[in-house]
Amino acid sequence: MKKRYVYLLLFLVPGLFTSLLITLALFGAVYGTFWLFVYGDSAWPDWTEQVMPILMLVIFSGIWIGTIVTGYCVGKKLETSPGFDFRHLWLSLGATLLPIVIMLLHQFSIGNLGPKSDGQLCSEYCSGLGYDMSSMSPRDFGEQTCSCIGRNGEEEIFLSIEDLQRLLKKTSMN
């Protein structure tokens, strides 16, 4: 197989993840700017719902195709040299895994992956008992507490987070 096609493949997968991250970061900034400085909490025009996703797809595709073409060109230039440099394979593997690790770390940092936060445990406990609302004490309050709020807006169950965790461990063991 010619090197131009090997390098096209070496740039293909890392380019997918890299273009995805760049597109998400770019449009996160665009949407944030629109929200902060242009439209705010007011109703946004209809064109934003129609044009922005198409524009995101065009930018994503352009970046990805650009990385694939770059890989093809790099491979074409390297066809005159003998053999294959396996460092390029390791760089491609690293460039593939790095965006995946970044996405996983982000999801872990916001609580979508990993252990549940105390607030999530409190909310799930109270909703499991049939309460519509739960409340946590402020972080600088001292001892963290969980409260289940009744229909009248009054605290009906009050327990510390340590007691809640012990209670949840007991019920999960049974």
N, C-alpha and C. Protein backbone atom coordinates (compact mmCIF):
# COMPACT_ATOMS: atom_id res chain seq x y z
N MET A 1 0.85 -1.18 0.00
CA MET A 1 0.00 0.00 0.00
C MET A 1 0.89 1.23 0.00
N LYS A 2 0.50 2.20 -0.78
CA LYS A 2 1.27 3.43 -0.86
C LYS A 2 1.16 4.21 0.44
N LYS A 3 2.24 4.94 0.75
CA LYS A 3 2.27 5.70 1.99
C LYS A 3 1.19 6.77 2.05
N ARG A 4 0.81 7.31 0.92
CA ARG A 4 -0.22 8.35 0.93
C ARG A 4 -1.53 7.83 1.52
N TYR A 5 -1.84 6.56 1.27
CA TYR A 5 -3.07 5.98 1.81
C TYR A 5 -2.91 5.57 3.27
N VAL A 6 -1.71 5.14 3.64
CA VAL A 6 -1.44 4.81 5.04
C VAL A 6 -1.56 6.06 5.90
N TYR A 7 -0.98 7.16 5.45
CA TYR A 7 -1.04 8.40 6.22
C TYR A 7 -2.44 9.00 6.21
N LEU A 8 -3.18 8.78 5.13
CA LEU A 8 -4.58 9.20 5.11
C LEU A 8 -5.32 8.50 6.25
N LEU A 9 -5.08 7.20 6.42
CA LEU A 9 -5.71 6.45 7.51
C LEU A 9 -5.19 6.88 8.89
N LEU A 10 -3.89 7.20 8.95
CA LEU A 10 -3.32 7.64 10.23
C LEU A 10 -3.90 8.98 10.69
N PHE A 11 -4.31 9.82 9.75
CA PHE A 11 -4.89 11.12 10.09
C PHE A 11 -6.41 11.06 10.22
N LEU A 12 -7.02 10.00 9.71
CA LEU A 12 -8.48 9.90 9.65
C LEU A 12 -9.13 9.90 11.04
N VAL A 13 -8.76 8.96 11.90
CA VAL A 13 -9.42 8.83 13.21
C VAL A 13 -9.06 9.96 14.16
N PRO A 14 -7.76 10.33 14.31
CA PRO A 14 -7.48 11.47 15.19
C PRO A 14 -8.12 12.76 14.68
N GLY A 15 -8.21 12.89 13.35
CA GLY A 15 -8.86 14.07 12.79
C GLY A 15 -10.32 14.15 13.15
N LEU A 16 -10.99 12.99 13.24
CA LEU A 16 -12.41 12.96 13.62
C LEU A 16 -12.60 13.54 15.02
N PHE A 17 -11.83 13.03 15.98
CA PHE A 17 -11.99 13.49 17.36
C PHE A 17 -11.51 14.92 17.55
N THR A 18 -10.43 15.26 16.89
CA THR A 18 -9.91 16.63 17.01
C THR A 18 -10.88 17.63 16.40
N SER A 19 -11.43 17.31 15.23
CA SER A 19 -12.39 18.24 14.62
C SER A 19 -13.66 18.34 15.45
N LEU A 20 -14.06 17.25 16.09
CA LEU A 20 -15.22 17.30 16.98
C LEU A 20 -14.96 18.24 18.16
N LEU A 21 -13.80 18.10 18.81
CA LEU A 21 -13.49 18.97 19.94
C LEU A 21 -13.37 20.43 19.52
N ILE A 22 -12.72 20.69 18.40
CA ILE A 22 -12.57 22.07 17.94
C ILE A 22 -13.93 22.68 17.61
N THR A 23 -14.78 21.90 16.94
CA THR A 23 -16.11 22.40 16.58
C THR A 23 -16.94 22.69 17.82
N LEU A 24 -16.91 21.77 18.79
CA LEU A 24 -17.68 21.99 20.02
C LEU A 24 -17.17 23.21 20.79
N ALA A 25 -15.87 23.37 20.88
CA ALA A 25 -15.32 24.53 21.58
C ALA A 25 -15.65 25.83 20.86
N LEU A 26 -15.53 25.82 19.54
CA LEU A 26 -15.82 27.02 18.75
C LEU A 26 -17.28 27.42 18.88
N PHE A 27 -18.19 26.46 18.72
CA PHE A 27 -19.60 26.81 18.77
C PHE A 27 -20.10 27.02 20.20
N GLY A 28 -19.41 26.45 21.17
CA GLY A 28 -19.71 26.80 22.56
C GLY A 28 -19.42 28.27 22.80
N ALA A 29 -18.30 28.74 22.24
CA ALA A 29 -17.96 30.16 22.36
C ALA A 29 -18.94 31.03 21.58
N VAL A 30 -19.35 30.58 20.39
CA VAL A 30 -20.29 31.36 19.58
C VAL A 30 -21.64 31.47 20.29
N TYR A 31 -22.17 30.32 20.75
CA TYR A 31 -23.45 30.35 21.45
C TYR A 31 -23.34 31.17 22.75
N GLY A 32 -22.23 31.04 23.44
CA GLY A 32 -22.03 31.82 24.66
C GLY A 32 -22.00 33.31 24.38
N THR A 33 -21.34 33.70 23.30
CA THR A 33 -21.30 35.11 22.92
C THR A 33 -22.68 35.62 22.54
N PHE A 34 -23.41 34.80 21.78
CA PHE A 34 -24.78 35.19 21.44
C PHE A 34 -25.63 35.37 22.68
N TRP A 35 -25.48 34.46 23.62
CA TRP A 35 -26.30 34.53 24.83
C TRP A 35 -25.90 35.71 25.70
N LEU A 36 -24.59 35.91 25.90
CA LEU A 36 -24.14 36.98 26.79
C LEU A 36 -24.31 38.38 26.20
N PHE A 37 -24.00 38.55 24.91
CA PHE A 37 -23.91 39.89 24.36
C PHE A 37 -24.97 40.25 23.33
N VAL A 38 -25.64 39.27 22.74
CA VAL A 38 -26.56 39.59 21.66
C VAL A 38 -28.01 39.38 22.07
N TYR A 39 -28.39 38.13 22.37
CA TYR A 39 -29.80 37.82 22.61
C TYR A 39 -30.16 37.64 24.08
N GLY A 40 -29.24 37.18 24.87
CA GLY A 40 -29.50 36.97 26.29
C GLY A 40 -30.62 35.97 26.52
N ASP A 41 -31.46 36.25 27.51
CA ASP A 41 -32.57 35.36 27.84
C ASP A 41 -33.81 35.64 27.01
N SER A 42 -33.73 36.62 26.12
CA SER A 42 -34.87 36.91 25.23
C SER A 42 -35.00 35.79 24.20
N ALA A 43 -36.10 35.80 23.49
CA ALA A 43 -36.31 34.80 22.44
C ALA A 43 -35.28 35.00 21.34
N TRP A 44 -34.65 33.92 20.93
CA TRP A 44 -33.67 33.97 19.86
C TRP A 44 -34.40 33.87 18.53
N PRO A 45 -33.87 34.46 17.48
CA PRO A 45 -34.54 34.35 16.18
C PRO A 45 -34.52 32.90 15.67
N ASP A 46 -35.47 32.58 14.82
CA ASP A 46 -35.61 31.23 14.30
C ASP A 46 -34.40 30.78 13.49
N TRP A 47 -33.73 31.71 12.85
CA TRP A 47 -32.61 31.33 12.00
C TRP A 47 -31.49 30.66 12.79
N THR A 48 -31.36 30.98 14.09
CA THR A 48 -30.29 30.36 14.87
C THR A 48 -30.50 28.86 15.01
N GLU A 49 -31.75 28.42 15.11
CA GLU A 49 -32.03 26.99 15.21
C GLU A 49 -31.84 26.28 13.88
N GLN A 50 -31.91 27.00 12.79
CA GLN A 50 -31.79 26.38 11.47
C GLN A 50 -30.37 26.48 10.93
N VAL A 51 -29.75 27.63 11.07
CA VAL A 51 -28.45 27.87 10.45
C VAL A 51 -27.30 27.32 11.28
N MET A 52 -27.36 27.48 12.58
CA MET A 52 -26.22 27.10 13.42
C MET A 52 -25.88 25.60 13.35
N PRO A 53 -26.84 24.68 13.41
CA PRO A 53 -26.46 23.26 13.27
C PRO A 53 -25.85 22.93 11.91
N ILE A 54 -26.36 23.57 10.86
CA ILE A 54 -25.79 23.34 9.53
C ILE A 54 -24.38 23.89 9.46
N LEU A 55 -24.18 25.08 10.03
CA LEU A 55 -22.86 25.68 10.08
C LEU A 55 -21.89 24.82 10.89
N MET A 56 -22.38 24.25 11.99
CA MET A 56 -21.54 23.35 12.80
C MET A 56 -21.10 22.14 11.97
N LEU A 57 -22.01 21.57 11.22
CA LEU A 57 -21.70 20.41 10.38
C LEU A 57 -20.69 20.77 9.30
N VAL A 58 -20.84 21.94 8.71
CA VAL A 58 -19.92 22.38 7.67
C VAL A 58 -18.52 22.60 8.25
N ILE A 59 -18.43 23.26 9.40
CA ILE A 59 -17.13 23.50 10.03
C ILE A 59 -16.49 22.18 10.44
N PHE A 60 -17.26 21.28 11.08
CA PHE A 60 -16.75 19.97 11.48
C PHE A 60 -16.23 19.20 10.27
N SER A 61 -17.02 19.15 9.21
CA SER A 61 -16.63 18.42 8.00
C SER A 61 -15.39 19.05 7.36
N GLY A 62 -15.34 20.35 7.34
CA GLY A 62 -14.19 21.04 6.75
C GLY A 62 -12.90 20.75 7.50
N ILE A 63 -12.96 20.79 8.82
CA ILE A 63 -11.77 20.50 9.61
C ILE A 63 -11.35 19.04 9.43
N TRP A 64 -12.33 18.14 9.44
CA TRP A 64 -12.00 16.72 9.30
C TRP A 64 -11.43 16.41 7.91
N ILE A 65 -12.06 16.93 6.88
CA ILE A 65 -11.55 16.71 5.52
C ILE A 65 -10.17 17.35 5.37
N GLY A 66 -9.98 18.50 6.01
CA GLY A 66 -8.66 19.14 5.97
C GLY A 66 -7.57 18.28 6.59
N THR A 67 -7.87 17.62 7.70
CA THR A 67 -6.87 16.74 8.32
C THR A 67 -6.62 15.50 7.45
N ILE A 68 -7.65 14.98 6.81
CA ILE A 68 -7.48 13.82 5.93
C ILE A 68 -6.61 14.19 4.73
N VAL A 69 -6.87 15.34 4.12
CA VAL A 69 -6.08 15.80 2.98
C VAL A 69 -4.64 16.06 3.40
N THR A 70 -4.46 16.61 4.61
CA THR A 70 -3.11 16.83 5.13
C THR A 70 -2.38 15.50 5.26
N GLY A 71 -3.06 14.48 5.78
CA GLY A 71 -2.44 13.16 5.89
C GLY A 71 -2.06 12.60 4.54
N TYR A 72 -2.91 12.77 3.56
CA TYR A 72 -2.62 12.31 2.21
C TYR A 72 -1.39 13.01 1.65
N CYS A 73 -1.31 14.32 1.84
CA CYS A 73 -0.17 15.09 1.33
C CYS A 73 1.13 14.72 2.04
N VAL A 74 1.06 14.52 3.35
CA VAL A 74 2.25 14.11 4.11
C VAL A 74 2.72 12.74 3.63
N GLY A 75 1.80 11.81 3.44
CA GLY A 75 2.16 10.49 2.95
C GLY A 75 2.74 10.53 1.55
N LYS A 76 2.21 11.39 0.72
CA LYS A 76 2.72 11.51 -0.66
C LYS A 76 4.16 12.03 -0.65
N LYS A 77 4.45 12.98 0.25
CA LYS A 77 5.81 13.51 0.34
C LYS A 77 6.79 12.46 0.87
N LEU A 78 6.29 11.58 1.74
CA LEU A 78 7.17 10.57 2.36
C LEU A 78 7.32 9.31 1.52
N GLU A 79 6.66 9.23 0.37
CA GLU A 79 6.75 8.03 -0.45
C GLU A 79 8.15 7.78 -1.00
N THR A 80 8.94 8.82 -1.12
CA THR A 80 10.29 8.65 -1.66
C THR A 80 11.24 8.04 -0.63
N SER A 81 10.93 8.21 0.66
CA SER A 81 11.81 7.63 1.69
C SER A 81 11.47 6.16 1.89
N PRO A 82 12.51 5.33 2.13
CA PRO A 82 12.25 3.89 2.29
C PRO A 82 11.70 3.57 3.68
N GLY A 83 10.92 2.50 3.77
CA GLY A 83 10.41 2.02 5.06
C GLY A 83 9.30 2.89 5.61
N PHE A 84 8.88 2.51 6.81
CA PHE A 84 7.80 3.21 7.50
C PHE A 84 8.29 3.61 8.87
N ASP A 85 8.05 4.84 9.26
CA ASP A 85 8.46 5.33 10.58
C ASP A 85 7.34 5.04 11.58
N PHE A 86 7.58 4.09 12.48
CA PHE A 86 6.55 3.68 13.43
C PHE A 86 6.25 4.75 14.48
N ARG A 87 7.11 5.74 14.59
CA ARG A 87 6.80 6.85 15.50
C ARG A 87 5.54 7.57 15.05
N HIS A 88 5.32 7.62 13.74
CA HIS A 88 4.11 8.26 13.22
C HIS A 88 2.86 7.48 13.62
N LEU A 89 2.97 6.16 13.66
CA LEU A 89 1.85 5.34 14.11
C LEU A 89 1.55 5.63 15.58
N TRP A 90 2.59 5.75 16.41
CA TRP A 90 2.39 6.04 17.84
C TRP A 90 1.84 7.45 18.04
N LEU A 91 2.30 8.40 17.22
CA LEU A 91 1.75 9.76 17.29
C LEU A 91 0.27 9.76 16.92
N SER A 92 -0.09 8.99 15.91
CA SER A 92 -1.49 8.91 15.52
C SER A 92 -2.33 8.28 16.62
N LEU A 93 -1.81 7.24 17.24
CA LEU A 93 -2.53 6.61 18.35
C LEU A 93 -2.68 7.58 19.52
N GLY A 94 -1.61 8.32 19.82
CA GLY A 94 -1.69 9.32 20.88
C GLY A 94 -2.67 10.43 20.56
N ALA A 95 -2.66 10.87 19.30
CA ALA A 95 -3.58 11.93 18.88
C ALA A 95 -5.02 11.43 18.85
N THR A 96 -5.21 10.11 18.74
CA THR A 96 -6.55 9.55 18.80
C THR A 96 -7.03 9.46 20.24
N LEU A 97 -6.14 9.00 21.12
CA LEU A 97 -6.54 8.78 22.51
C LEU A 97 -6.64 10.07 23.32
N LEU A 98 -5.84 11.08 23.01
CA LEU A 98 -5.85 12.32 23.79
C LEU A 98 -7.22 13.01 23.80
N PRO A 99 -7.88 13.22 22.66
CA PRO A 99 -9.22 13.84 22.73
C PRO A 99 -10.24 12.97 23.47
N ILE A 100 -10.11 11.65 23.33
CA ILE A 100 -11.03 10.75 24.05
C ILE A 100 -10.83 10.91 25.55
N VAL A 101 -9.58 10.95 25.98
CA VAL A 101 -9.27 11.13 27.41
C VAL A 101 -9.77 12.49 27.89
N ILE A 102 -9.60 13.53 27.06
CA ILE A 102 -10.08 14.86 27.44
C ILE A 102 -11.59 14.85 27.63
N MET A 103 -12.32 14.19 26.71
CA MET A 103 -13.78 14.13 26.83
C MET A 103 -14.19 13.34 28.08
N LEU A 104 -13.50 12.23 28.36
CA LEU A 104 -13.83 11.43 29.54
C LEU A 104 -13.54 12.20 30.83
N LEU A 105 -12.41 12.90 30.87
CA LEU A 105 -12.08 13.69 32.06
C LEU A 105 -13.09 14.82 32.27
N HIS A 106 -13.54 15.43 31.18
CA HIS A 106 -14.56 16.47 31.31
C HIS A 106 -15.84 15.89 31.89
N GLN A 107 -16.29 14.75 31.37
CA GLN A 107 -17.51 14.13 31.86
C GLN A 107 -17.35 13.70 33.32
N PHE A 108 -16.16 13.26 33.70
CA PHE A 108 -15.90 12.91 35.09
C PHE A 108 -15.95 14.16 35.98
N SER A 109 -15.39 15.27 35.48
CA SER A 109 -15.33 16.48 36.29
C SER A 109 -16.70 17.10 36.54
N ILE A 110 -17.66 16.91 35.62
CA ILE A 110 -18.98 17.49 35.82
C ILE A 110 -19.96 16.51 36.45
N GLY A 111 -19.48 15.30 36.77
CA GLY A 111 -20.31 14.36 37.52
C GLY A 111 -21.11 13.37 36.70
N ASN A 112 -20.94 13.36 35.39
CA ASN A 112 -21.65 12.38 34.57
C ASN A 112 -21.03 10.99 34.68
N LEU A 113 -19.76 10.93 35.00
CA LEU A 113 -19.06 9.67 35.21
C LEU A 113 -18.51 9.66 36.63
N GLY A 114 -18.31 8.49 37.17
CA GLY A 114 -17.73 8.37 38.50
C GLY A 114 -18.79 8.31 39.58
N PRO A 115 -18.35 8.47 40.83
CA PRO A 115 -19.32 8.37 41.93
C PRO A 115 -20.30 9.54 41.93
N LYS A 116 -21.49 9.27 42.46
CA LYS A 116 -22.52 10.31 42.52
C LYS A 116 -22.18 11.32 43.60
N SER A 117 -22.56 12.57 43.34
CA SER A 117 -22.32 13.63 44.32
C SER A 117 -23.32 13.49 45.47
N ASP A 118 -23.03 14.17 46.57
CA ASP A 118 -23.93 14.13 47.72
C ASP A 118 -25.31 14.67 47.35
N GLY A 119 -25.35 15.71 46.53
CA GLY A 119 -26.63 16.28 46.10
C GLY A 119 -27.45 15.29 45.29
N GLN A 120 -26.78 14.52 44.43
CA GLN A 120 -27.49 13.51 43.64
C GLN A 120 -28.03 12.41 44.55
N LEU A 121 -27.20 11.98 45.52
CA LEU A 121 -27.65 10.94 46.45
C LEU A 121 -28.86 11.40 47.24
N CYS A 122 -28.83 12.65 47.70
CA CYS A 122 -29.94 13.21 48.47
C CYS A 122 -31.20 13.27 47.62
N SER A 123 -31.05 13.76 46.39
CA SER A 123 -32.20 13.88 45.50
C SER A 123 -32.81 12.52 45.19
N GLU A 124 -31.98 11.54 44.89
CA GLU A 124 -32.49 10.20 44.57
C GLU A 124 -33.15 9.54 45.78
N TYR A 125 -32.58 9.77 46.97
CA TYR A 125 -33.16 9.20 48.18
C TYR A 125 -34.55 9.78 48.43
N CYS A 126 -34.65 11.10 48.36
CA CYS A 126 -35.94 11.76 48.62
C CYS A 126 -36.98 11.41 47.56
N SER A 127 -36.58 11.39 46.29
CA SER A 127 -37.55 11.04 45.25
C SER A 127 -37.96 9.57 45.37
N GLY A 128 -37.07 8.72 45.85
CA GLY A 128 -37.42 7.32 46.08
C GLY A 128 -38.45 7.14 47.18
N LEU A 129 -38.48 8.08 48.11
CA LEU A 129 -39.47 8.03 49.18
C LEU A 129 -40.77 8.74 48.79
N GLY A 130 -40.81 9.31 47.59
CA GLY A 130 -42.03 9.96 47.11
C GLY A 130 -42.06 11.46 47.27
N TYR A 131 -40.98 12.06 47.71
CA TYR A 131 -40.92 13.52 47.85
C TYR A 131 -40.57 14.15 46.52
N ASP A 132 -41.13 15.31 46.26
CA ASP A 132 -40.86 16.00 45.01
C ASP A 132 -39.58 16.83 45.07
N MET A 133 -39.19 17.22 46.28
CA MET A 133 -38.04 18.12 46.41
C MET A 133 -37.09 17.62 47.49
N SER A 134 -35.82 18.03 47.32
CA SER A 134 -34.82 17.77 48.35
C SER A 134 -33.96 19.03 48.47
N SER A 135 -33.24 19.10 49.57
CA SER A 135 -32.41 20.28 49.82
C SER A 135 -31.14 19.85 50.52
N MET A 136 -30.05 20.50 50.17
CA MET A 136 -28.76 20.24 50.81
C MET A 136 -28.35 21.49 51.59
N SER A 137 -27.65 21.28 52.69
CA SER A 137 -27.14 22.43 53.44
C SER A 137 -26.00 23.07 52.66
N PRO A 138 -25.73 24.35 52.90
CA PRO A 138 -24.62 25.00 52.20
C PRO A 138 -23.30 24.30 52.54
N ARG A 139 -22.36 24.34 51.61
CA ARG A 139 -21.08 23.64 51.80
C ARG A 139 -20.30 24.18 53.00
N ASP A 140 -20.40 25.47 53.26
CA ASP A 140 -19.66 26.05 54.38
C ASP A 140 -20.46 26.02 55.68
N PHE A 141 -21.53 25.26 55.71
CA PHE A 141 -22.40 25.15 56.88
C PHE A 141 -21.76 24.34 58.00
N GLY A 142 -20.83 23.50 57.67
CA GLY A 142 -20.24 22.58 58.64
C GLY A 142 -20.59 21.18 58.23
N GLU A 143 -21.50 20.55 58.96
CA GLU A 143 -21.91 19.20 58.61
C GLU A 143 -22.89 19.26 57.43
N GLN A 144 -22.62 18.47 56.40
CA GLN A 144 -23.50 18.40 55.25
C GLN A 144 -24.76 17.62 55.62
N THR A 145 -25.91 18.17 55.27
CA THR A 145 -27.17 17.50 55.59
C THR A 145 -28.05 17.42 54.35
N CYS A 146 -28.98 16.47 54.39
CA CYS A 146 -29.95 16.27 53.32
C CYS A 146 -31.33 16.42 53.92
N SER A 147 -32.19 17.16 53.26
CA SER A 147 -33.56 17.34 53.73
C SER A 147 -34.52 16.98 52.61
N CYS A 148 -35.55 16.23 52.97
CA CYS A 148 -36.63 15.94 52.02
C CYS A 148 -37.76 16.91 52.33
N ILE A 149 -38.23 17.60 51.30
CA ILE A 149 -39.22 18.66 51.46
C ILE A 149 -40.60 18.11 51.10
N GLY A 150 -41.57 18.34 51.99
CA GLY A 150 -42.94 17.87 51.77
C GLY A 150 -43.73 18.80 50.87
N ARG A 151 -44.98 18.47 50.68
CA ARG A 151 -45.85 19.23 49.77
C ARG A 151 -46.09 20.66 50.25
N ASN A 152 -46.04 20.89 51.55
CA ASN A 152 -46.26 22.23 52.10
C ASN A 152 -44.98 23.06 52.12
N GLY A 153 -43.90 22.51 51.60
CA GLY A 153 -42.63 23.24 51.59
C GLY A 153 -41.88 23.14 52.89
N GLU A 154 -42.32 22.24 53.77
CA GLU A 154 -41.65 22.07 55.06
C GLU A 154 -40.76 20.84 55.03
N GLU A 155 -39.70 20.93 55.79
CA GLU A 155 -38.74 19.84 55.90
C GLU A 155 -39.39 18.69 56.66
N GLU A 156 -39.46 17.51 56.03
CA GLU A 156 -40.10 16.38 56.69
C GLU A 156 -39.09 15.32 57.12
N ILE A 157 -38.00 15.17 56.36
CA ILE A 157 -36.93 14.25 56.75
C ILE A 157 -35.64 15.04 56.72
N PHE A 158 -34.84 14.87 57.75
CA PHE A 158 -33.58 15.60 57.89
C PHE A 158 -32.53 14.60 58.38
N LEU A 159 -31.46 14.41 57.62
CA LEU A 159 -30.40 13.53 58.07
C LEU A 159 -29.07 13.99 57.50
N SER A 160 -27.99 13.61 58.19
CA SER A 160 -26.66 14.00 57.74
C SER A 160 -26.27 13.15 56.53
N ILE A 161 -25.33 13.63 55.77
CA ILE A 161 -24.88 12.91 54.58
C ILE A 161 -24.25 11.58 54.98
N GLU A 162 -23.53 11.57 56.11
CA GLU A 162 -22.93 10.31 56.58
C GLU A 162 -24.02 9.28 56.87
N ASP A 163 -25.10 9.71 57.55
CA ASP A 163 -26.20 8.79 57.83
C ASP A 163 -26.86 8.33 56.53
N LEU A 164 -27.01 9.24 55.58
CA LEU A 164 -27.61 8.89 54.29
C LEU A 164 -26.76 7.85 53.57
N GLN A 165 -25.43 8.04 53.57
CA GLN A 165 -24.54 7.10 52.89
C GLN A 165 -24.59 5.72 53.56
N ARG A 166 -24.61 5.71 54.90
CA ARG A 166 -24.73 4.43 55.62
C ARG A 166 -26.06 3.76 55.29
N LEU A 167 -27.12 4.52 55.26
CA LEU A 167 -28.45 3.98 54.95
C LEU A 167 -28.49 3.41 53.53
N LEU A 168 -27.90 4.12 52.59
CA LEU A 168 -27.88 3.65 51.21
C LEU A 168 -27.00 2.41 51.04
N LYS A 169 -25.90 2.33 51.79
CA LYS A 169 -25.06 1.13 51.73
C LYS A 169 -25.81 -0.08 52.26
N LYS A 170 -26.56 0.12 53.38
CA LYS A 170 -27.33 -0.99 53.94
C LYS A 170 -28.36 -1.51 52.95
N THR A 171 -29.09 -0.58 52.33
CA THR A 171 -30.15 -0.99 51.41
C THR A 171 -29.58 -1.62 50.14
N SER A 172 -28.38 -1.20 49.72
CA SER A 172 -27.79 -1.81 48.51
C SER A 172 -27.23 -3.18 48.80
N MET A 173 -26.89 -3.47 50.06
CA MET A 173 -26.39 -4.79 50.42
C MET A 173 -27.51 -5.81 50.48
N ASN A 174 -28.72 -5.37 50.78
CA ASN A 174 -29.84 -6.31 50.91
C ASN A 174 -30.42 -6.69 49.60
